[in-house]
Amino acid sequence: MTTLLQPTPSQDRTTDDSVLGRVRAHLPEIAARSAQAEAARAVPTEIITALREAGVFRMSLPRVWAVNSSSWRRAPR
């Protein structure tokens, strides 16, 4: 039985390859650019690109719709 107190592989910040782990890797850049984002009242394009590459925006897709980049052309229309 898993409890909240038992560490899971995704909680290992040194070797984490999950979406959360990839986002954590970008936290210093996000924090450094926060003043720029506030002044522009928009998230910098580079941050959006990094989050897209980390897979953040695919998290809300059902697995059946989440196709990898090599198979999207073969997906039904």
PDB file of N, CA and C in Angstrom:
ATOM      1  N   MET A   1       0.837  -1.170   0.000  1.00  0.00           N
ATOM      2  CA  MET A   1       0.000   0.000   0.000  1.00  0.00           C
ATOM      3  C   MET A   1       0.885   1.237   0.000  1.00  0.00           C
ATOM      4  N   THR A   2       0.571   2.200  -0.836  1.00  0.00           N
ATOM      5  CA  THR A   2       1.329   3.436  -0.919  1.00  0.00           C
ATOM      6  C   THR A   2       0.674   4.501  -0.063  1.00  0.00           C
ATOM      7  N   THR A   3       1.481   5.181   0.700  1.00  0.00           N
ATOM      8  CA  THR A   3       0.974   6.306   1.482  1.00  0.00           C
ATOM      9  C   THR A   3       1.636   7.579   1.006  1.00  0.00           C
ATOM     10  N   LEU A   4       1.152   8.697   1.460  1.00  0.00           N
ATOM     11  CA  LEU A   4       1.740   9.968   1.069  1.00  0.00           C
ATOM     12  C   LEU A   4       3.138  10.163   1.640  1.00  0.00           C
ATOM     13  N   LEU A   5       3.470   9.424   2.678  1.00  0.00           N
ATOM     14  CA  LEU A   5       4.769   9.591   3.308  1.00  0.00           C
ATOM     15  C   LEU A   5       5.864   8.779   2.642  1.00  0.00           C
ATOM     16  N   GLN A   6       5.497   7.784   1.857  1.00  0.00           N
ATOM     17  CA  GLN A   6       6.489   6.974   1.169  1.00  0.00           C
ATOM     18  C   GLN A   6       6.927   7.680  -0.115  1.00  0.00           C
ATOM     19  N   PRO A   7       8.230   7.860  -0.315  1.00  0.00           N
ATOM     20  CA  PRO A   7       8.672   8.515  -1.540  1.00  0.00           C
ATOM     21  C   PRO A   7       8.391   7.646  -2.757  1.00  0.00           C
ATOM     22  N   THR A   8       8.010   8.253  -3.825  1.00  0.00           N
ATOM     23  CA  THR A   8       7.807   7.562  -5.091  1.00  0.00           C
ATOM     24  C   THR A   8       8.923   7.983  -6.033  1.00  0.00           C
ATOM     25  N   PRO A   9       9.130   7.262  -7.125  1.00  0.00           N
ATOM     26  CA  PRO A   9      10.197   7.642  -8.052  1.00  0.00           C
ATOM     27  C   PRO A   9      10.074   9.076  -8.552  1.00  0.00           C
ATOM     28  N   SER A  10       8.867   9.592  -8.732  1.00  0.00           N
ATOM     29  CA  SER A  10       8.710  10.946  -9.244  1.00  0.00           C
ATOM     30  C   SER A  10       9.118  12.006  -8.241  1.00  0.00           C
ATOM     31  N   GLN A  11       9.329  11.626  -6.965  1.00  0.00           N
ATOM     32  CA  GLN A  11       9.745  12.594  -5.970  1.00  0.00           C
ATOM     33  C   GLN A  11      11.258  12.705  -5.868  1.00  0.00           C
ATOM     34  N   ASP A  12      11.981  11.902  -6.596  1.00  0.00           N
ATOM     35  CA  ASP A  12      13.434  11.968  -6.611  1.00  0.00           C
ATOM     36  C   ASP A  12      13.836  13.076  -7.573  1.00  0.00           C
ATOM     37  N   ARG A  13      14.171  14.232  -7.046  1.00  0.00           N
ATOM     38  CA  ARG A  13      14.428  15.407  -7.881  1.00  0.00           C
ATOM     39  C   ARG A  13      15.726  15.333  -8.660  1.00  0.00           C
ATOM     40  N   THR A  14      16.619  14.442  -8.319  1.00  0.00           N
ATOM     41  CA  THR A  14      17.887  14.366  -9.032  1.00  0.00           C
ATOM     42  C   THR A  14      17.781  13.568 -10.321  1.00  0.00           C
ATOM     43  N   THR A  15      16.877  12.598 -10.393  1.00  0.00           N
ATOM     44  CA  THR A  15      16.760  11.761 -11.589  1.00  0.00           C
ATOM     45  C   THR A  15      15.347  11.759 -12.156  1.00  0.00           C
ATOM     46  N   ASP A  16      14.542  12.724 -11.805  1.00  0.00           N
ATOM     47  CA  ASP A  16      13.130  12.739 -12.195  1.00  0.00           C
ATOM     48  C   ASP A  16      12.971  13.092 -13.668  1.00  0.00           C
ATOM     49  N   ASP A  17      12.319  12.210 -14.428  1.00  0.00           N
ATOM     50  CA  ASP A  17      12.057  12.467 -15.835  1.00  0.00           C
ATOM     51  C   ASP A  17      10.562  12.639 -16.097  1.00  0.00           C
ATOM     52  N   SER A  18       9.772  12.821 -15.050  1.00  0.00           N
ATOM     53  CA  SER A  18       8.346  13.051 -15.217  1.00  0.00           C
ATOM     54  C   SER A  18       8.124  14.495 -15.659  1.00  0.00           C
ATOM     55  N   VAL A  19       6.910  14.825 -16.007  1.00  0.00           N
ATOM     56  CA  VAL A  19       6.578  16.199 -16.390  1.00  0.00           C
ATOM     57  C   VAL A  19       6.945  17.151 -15.259  1.00  0.00           C
ATOM     58  N   LEU A  20       6.584  16.784 -14.045  1.00  0.00           N
ATOM     59  CA  LEU A  20       6.895  17.637 -12.902  1.00  0.00           C
ATOM     60  C   LEU A  20       8.397  17.820 -12.742  1.00  0.00           C
ATOM     61  N   GLY A  21       9.142  16.774 -12.932  1.00  0.00           N
ATOM     62  CA  GLY A  21      10.594  16.868 -12.844  1.00  0.00           C
ATOM     63  C   GLY A  21      11.182  17.775 -13.907  1.00  0.00           C
ATOM     64  N   ARG A  22      10.650  17.670 -15.129  1.00  0.00           N
ATOM     65  CA  ARG A  22      11.141  18.529 -16.203  1.00  0.00           C
ATOM     66  C   ARG A  22      10.780  19.986 -15.950  1.00  0.00           C
ATOM     67  N   VAL A  23       9.615  20.235 -15.359  1.00  0.00           N
ATOM     68  CA  VAL A  23       9.233  21.616 -15.014  1.00  0.00           C
ATOM     69  C   VAL A  23      10.138  22.137 -13.902  1.00  0.00           C
ATOM     70  N   ARG A  24      10.407  21.308 -12.905  1.00  0.00           N
ATOM     71  CA  ARG A  24      11.299  21.726 -11.814  1.00  0.00           C
ATOM     72  C   ARG A  24      12.662  22.163 -12.347  1.00  0.00           C
ATOM     73  N   ALA A  25      13.125  21.529 -13.401  1.00  0.00           N
ATOM     74  CA  ALA A  25      14.416  21.896 -13.983  1.00  0.00           C
ATOM     75  C   ALA A  25      14.384  23.318 -14.543  1.00  0.00           C
ATOM     76  N   HIS A  26      13.204  23.807 -14.912  1.00  0.00           N
ATOM     77  CA  HIS A  26      13.072  25.153 -15.480  1.00  0.00           C
ATOM     78  C   HIS A  26      12.732  26.215 -14.442  1.00  0.00           C
ATOM     79  N   LEU A  27      12.538  25.825 -13.201  1.00  0.00           N
ATOM     80  CA  LEU A  27      12.144  26.790 -12.177  1.00  0.00           C
ATOM     81  C   LEU A  27      13.118  27.966 -12.012  1.00  0.00           C
ATOM     82  N   PRO A  28      14.429  27.753 -12.038  1.00  0.00           N
ATOM     83  CA  PRO A  28      15.323  28.916 -11.920  1.00  0.00           C
ATOM     84  C   PRO A  28      15.114  29.936 -13.041  1.00  0.00           C
ATOM     85  N   GLU A  29      14.926  29.458 -14.259  1.00  0.00           N
ATOM     86  CA  GLU A  29      14.687  30.370 -15.387  1.00  0.00           C
ATOM     87  C   GLU A  29      13.340  31.075 -15.241  1.00  0.00           C
ATOM     88  N   ILE A  30      12.331  30.344 -14.812  1.00  0.00           N
ATOM     89  CA  ILE A  30      11.009  30.941 -14.619  1.00  0.00           C
ATOM     90  C   ILE A  30      11.077  32.023 -13.551  1.00  0.00           C
ATOM     91  N   ALA A  31      11.756  31.740 -12.444  1.00  0.00           N
ATOM     92  CA  ALA A  31      11.889  32.723 -11.371  1.00  0.00           C
ATOM     93  C   ALA A  31      12.679  33.946 -11.834  1.00  0.00           C
ATOM     94  N   ALA A  32      13.742  33.720 -12.594  1.00  0.00           N
ATOM     95  CA  ALA A  32      14.573  34.827 -13.066  1.00  0.00           C
ATOM     96  C   ALA A  32      13.817  35.743 -14.021  1.00  0.00           C
ATOM     97  N   ARG A  33      12.863  35.187 -14.750  1.00  0.00           N
ATOM     98  CA  ARG A  33      12.128  35.983 -15.742  1.00  0.00           C
ATOM     99  C   ARG A  33      10.783  36.459 -15.238  1.00  0.00           C
ATOM    100  N   SER A  34      10.507  36.246 -13.957  1.00  0.00           N
ATOM    101  CA  SER A  34       9.195  36.619 -13.420  1.00  0.00           C
ATOM    102  C   SER A  34       8.950  38.123 -13.480  1.00  0.00           C
ATOM    103  N   ALA A  35       9.962  38.941 -13.220  1.00  0.00           N
ATOM    104  CA  ALA A  35       9.792  40.400 -13.279  1.00  0.00           C
ATOM    105  C   ALA A  35       9.467  40.838 -14.703  1.00  0.00           C
ATOM    106  N   GLN A  36      10.147  40.237 -15.674  1.00  0.00           N
ATOM    107  CA  GLN A  36       9.867  40.543 -17.081  1.00  0.00           C
ATOM    108  C   GLN A  36       8.424  40.162 -17.433  1.00  0.00           C
ATOM    109  N   ALA A  37       7.992  39.009 -16.954  1.00  0.00           N
ATOM    110  CA  ALA A  37       6.629  38.554 -17.233  1.00  0.00           C
ATOM    111  C   ALA A  37       5.601  39.488 -16.599  1.00  0.00           C
ATOM    112  N   GLU A  38       5.869  39.926 -15.377  1.00  0.00           N
ATOM    113  CA  GLU A  38       4.957  40.853 -14.708  1.00  0.00           C
ATOM    114  C   GLU A  38       4.879  42.180 -15.448  1.00  0.00           C
ATOM    115  N   ALA A  39       6.026  42.697 -15.871  1.00  0.00           N
ATOM    116  CA  ALA A  39       6.055  43.978 -16.579  1.00  0.00           C
ATOM    117  C   ALA A  39       5.329  43.892 -17.920  1.00  0.00           C
ATOM    118  N   ALA A  40       5.524  42.783 -18.616  1.00  0.00           N
ATOM    119  CA  ALA A  40       4.894  42.605 -19.929  1.00  0.00           C
ATOM    120  C   ALA A  40       3.461  42.108 -19.818  1.00  0.00           C
ATOM    121  N   ARG A  41       3.084  41.658 -18.614  1.00  0.00           N
ATOM    122  CA  ARG A  41       1.762  41.059 -18.369  1.00  0.00           C
ATOM    123  C   ARG A  41       1.509  39.879 -19.300  1.00  0.00           C
ATOM    124  N   ALA A  42       2.597  39.136 -19.565  1.00  0.00           N
ATOM    125  CA  ALA A  42       2.522  37.950 -20.418  1.00  0.00           C
ATOM    126  C   ALA A  42       3.701  37.041 -20.079  1.00  0.00           C
ATOM    127  N   VAL A  43       3.507  35.766 -20.276  1.00  0.00           N
ATOM    128  CA  VAL A  43       4.583  34.799 -20.054  1.00  0.00           C
ATOM    129  C   VAL A  43       5.525  34.859 -21.252  1.00  0.00           C
ATOM    130  N   PRO A  44       6.837  34.980 -21.014  1.00  0.00           N
ATOM    131  CA  PRO A  44       7.791  35.024 -22.130  1.00  0.00           C
ATOM    132  C   PRO A  44       7.680  33.793 -23.030  1.00  0.00           C
ATOM    133  N   THR A  45       7.874  34.006 -24.297  1.00  0.00           N
ATOM    134  CA  THR A  45       7.767  32.942 -25.296  1.00  0.00           C
ATOM    135  C   THR A  45       8.698  31.777 -24.976  1.00  0.00           C
ATOM    136  N   GLU A  46       9.894  32.078 -24.476  1.00  0.00           N
ATOM    137  CA  GLU A  46      10.860  31.028 -24.175  1.00  0.00           C
ATOM    138  C   GLU A  46      10.351  30.114 -23.064  1.00  0.00           C
ATOM    139  N   ILE A  47       9.628  30.681 -22.100  1.00  0.00           N
ATOM    140  CA  ILE A  47       9.072  29.878 -21.005  1.00  0.00           C
ATOM    141  C   ILE A  47       7.955  28.984 -21.533  1.00  0.00           C
ATOM    142  N   ILE A  48       7.106  29.536 -22.369  1.00  0.00           N
ATOM    143  CA  ILE A  48       6.030  28.739 -22.986  1.00  0.00           C
ATOM    144  C   ILE A  48       6.629  27.584 -23.779  1.00  0.00           C
ATOM    145  N   THR A  49       7.665  27.870 -24.552  1.00  0.00           N
ATOM    146  CA  THR A  49       8.329  26.829 -25.344  1.00  0.00           C
ATOM    147  C   THR A  49       8.906  25.746 -24.437  1.00  0.00           C
ATOM    148  N   ALA A  50       9.565  26.146 -23.362  1.00  0.00           N
ATOM    149  CA  ALA A  50      10.150  25.170 -22.433  1.00  0.00           C
ATOM    150  C   ALA A  50       9.065  24.313 -21.787  1.00  0.00           C
ATOM    151  N   LEU A  51       7.949  24.931 -21.412  1.00  0.00           N
ATOM    152  CA  LEU A  51       6.850  24.176 -20.804  1.00  0.00           C
ATOM    153  C   LEU A  51       6.211  23.236 -21.820  1.00  0.00           C
ATOM    154  N   ARG A  52       6.099  23.682 -23.060  1.00  0.00           N
ATOM    155  CA  ARG A  52       5.549  22.810 -24.104  1.00  0.00           C
ATOM    156  C   ARG A  52       6.449  21.598 -24.310  1.00  0.00           C
ATOM    157  N   GLU A  53       7.758  21.830 -24.385  1.00  0.00           N
ATOM    158  CA  GLU A  53       8.703  20.730 -24.572  1.00  0.00           C
ATOM    159  C   GLU A  53       8.721  19.786 -23.366  1.00  0.00           C
ATOM    160  N   ALA A  54       8.419  20.316 -22.183  1.00  0.00           N
ATOM    161  CA  ALA A  54       8.372  19.480 -20.976  1.00  0.00           C
ATOM    162  C   ALA A  54       7.114  18.626 -20.934  1.00  0.00           C
ATOM    163  N   GLY A  55       6.126  18.947 -21.765  1.00  0.00           N
ATOM    164  CA  GLY A  55       4.901  18.161 -21.825  1.00  0.00           C
ATOM    165  C   GLY A  55       3.778  18.668 -20.942  1.00  0.00           C
ATOM    166  N   VAL A  56       3.911  19.897 -20.440  1.00  0.00           N
ATOM    167  CA  VAL A  56       2.901  20.437 -19.532  1.00  0.00           C
ATOM    168  C   VAL A  56       1.531  20.530 -20.193  1.00  0.00           C
ATOM    169  N   PHE A  57       1.482  20.983 -21.420  1.00  0.00           N
ATOM    170  CA  PHE A  57       0.196  21.236 -22.063  1.00  0.00           C
ATOM    171  C   PHE A  57      -0.484  19.959 -22.554  1.00  0.00           C
ATOM    172  N   ARG A  58       0.219  18.847 -22.541  1.00  0.00           N
ATOM    173  CA  ARG A  58      -0.377  17.564 -22.911  1.00  0.00           C
ATOM    174  C   ARG A  58      -0.969  16.840 -21.707  1.00  0.00           C
ATOM    175  N   MET A  59      -0.710  17.369 -20.520  1.00  0.00           N
ATOM    176  CA  MET A  59      -1.177  16.693 -19.309  1.00  0.00           C
ATOM    177  C   MET A  59      -2.698  16.594 -19.253  1.00  0.00           C
ATOM    178  N   SER A  60      -3.389  17.552 -19.836  1.00  0.00           N
ATOM    179  CA  SER A  60      -4.847  17.536 -19.752  1.00  0.00           C
ATOM    180  C   SER A  60      -5.497  16.701 -20.854  1.00  0.00           C
ATOM    181  N   LEU A  61      -4.715  16.207 -21.790  1.00  0.00           N
ATOM    182  CA  LEU A  61      -5.263  15.376 -22.860  1.00  0.00           C
ATOM    183  C   LEU A  61      -5.492  13.951 -22.375  1.00  0.00           C
ATOM    184  N   PRO A  62      -6.602  13.356 -22.746  1.00  0.00           N
ATOM    185  CA  PRO A  62      -6.772  11.923 -22.456  1.00  0.00           C
ATOM    186  C   PRO A  62      -5.687  11.141 -23.194  1.00  0.00           C
ATOM    187  N   ARG A  63      -5.249  10.041 -22.613  1.00  0.00           N
ATOM    188  CA  ARG A  63      -4.184   9.241 -23.238  1.00  0.00           C
ATOM    189  C   ARG A  63      -4.532   8.828 -24.662  1.00  0.00           C
ATOM    190  N   VAL A  64      -5.771   8.564 -24.930  1.00  0.00           N
ATOM    191  CA  VAL A  64      -6.165   8.113 -26.264  1.00  0.00           C
ATOM    192  C   VAL A  64      -5.928   9.217 -27.309  1.00  0.00           C
ATOM    193  N   TRP A  65      -5.940  10.477 -26.906  1.00  0.00           N
ATOM    194  CA  TRP A  65      -5.706  11.589 -27.834  1.00  0.00           C
ATOM    195  C   TRP A  65      -4.248  11.993 -27.894  1.00  0.00           C
ATOM    196  N   ALA A  66      -3.475  11.604 -26.909  1.00  0.00           N
ATOM    197  CA  ALA A  66      -2.075  12.017 -26.846  1.00  0.00           C
ATOM    198  C   ALA A  66      -1.249  11.144 -27.768  1.00  0.00           C
ATOM    199  N   VAL A  67      -0.967  11.633 -28.948  1.00  0.00           N
ATOM    200  CA  VAL A  67      -0.148  10.893 -29.900  1.00  0.00           C
ATOM    201  C   VAL A  67       1.256  11.469 -29.866  1.00  0.00           C
ATOM    202  N   ASN A  68       2.242  10.631 -30.094  1.00  0.00           N
ATOM    203  CA  ASN A  68       3.603  11.162 -30.128  1.00  0.00           C
ATOM    204  C   ASN A  68       3.855  11.839 -31.465  1.00  0.00           C
ATOM    205  N   SER A  69       4.933  12.569 -31.539  1.00  0.00           N
ATOM    206  CA  SER A  69       5.191  13.386 -32.723  1.00  0.00           C
ATOM    207  C   SER A  69       5.357  12.564 -33.993  1.00  0.00           C
ATOM    208  N   SER A  70       5.769  11.305 -33.874  1.00  0.00           N
ATOM    209  CA  SER A  70       5.977  10.505 -35.073  1.00  0.00           C
ATOM    210  C   SER A  70       4.679   9.906 -35.621  1.00  0.00           C
ATOM    211  N   SER A  71       3.641   9.856 -34.794  1.00  0.00           N
ATOM    212  CA  SER A  71       2.421   9.212 -35.265  1.00  0.00           C
ATOM    213  C   SER A  71       1.270  10.186 -35.490  1.00  0.00           C
ATOM    214  N   TRP A  72       1.483  11.488 -35.304  1.00  0.00           N
ATOM    215  CA  TRP A  72       0.361  12.408 -35.443  1.00  0.00           C
ATOM    216  C   TRP A  72      -0.155  12.478 -36.868  1.00  0.00           C
ATOM    217  N   ARG A  73       0.693  12.225 -37.827  1.00  0.00           N
ATOM    218  CA  ARG A  73       0.240  12.257 -39.223  1.00  0.00           C
ATOM    219  C   ARG A  73      -0.673  11.077 -39.548  1.00  0.00           C
ATOM    220  N   ARG A  74      -0.488   9.984 -38.795  1.00  0.00           N
ATOM    221  CA  ARG A  74      -1.303   8.781 -39.035  1.00  0.00           C
ATOM    222  C   ARG A  74      -2.593   8.789 -38.222  1.00  0.00           C
ATOM    223  N   ALA A  75      -2.773   9.771 -37.350  1.00  0.00           N
ATOM    224  CA  ALA A  75      -3.965   9.825 -36.497  1.00  0.00           C
ATOM    225  C   ALA A  75      -5.204  10.038 -37.372  1.00  0.00           C
ATOM    226  N   PRO A  76      -6.318   9.443 -36.963  1.00  0.00           N
ATOM    227  CA  PRO A  76      -7.541   9.623 -37.763  1.00  0.00           C
ATOM    228  C   PRO A  76      -7.970  11.076 -37.778  1.00  0.00           C
ATOM    229  N   ARG A  77      -8.549  11.474 -38.877  1.00  0.00           N
ATOM    230  CA  ARG A  77      -8.978  12.871 -39.006  1.00  0.00           C
ATOM    231  C   ARG A  77     -10.435  13.020 -38.772  1.00  0.00           C
TER     232      ARG A  77
END
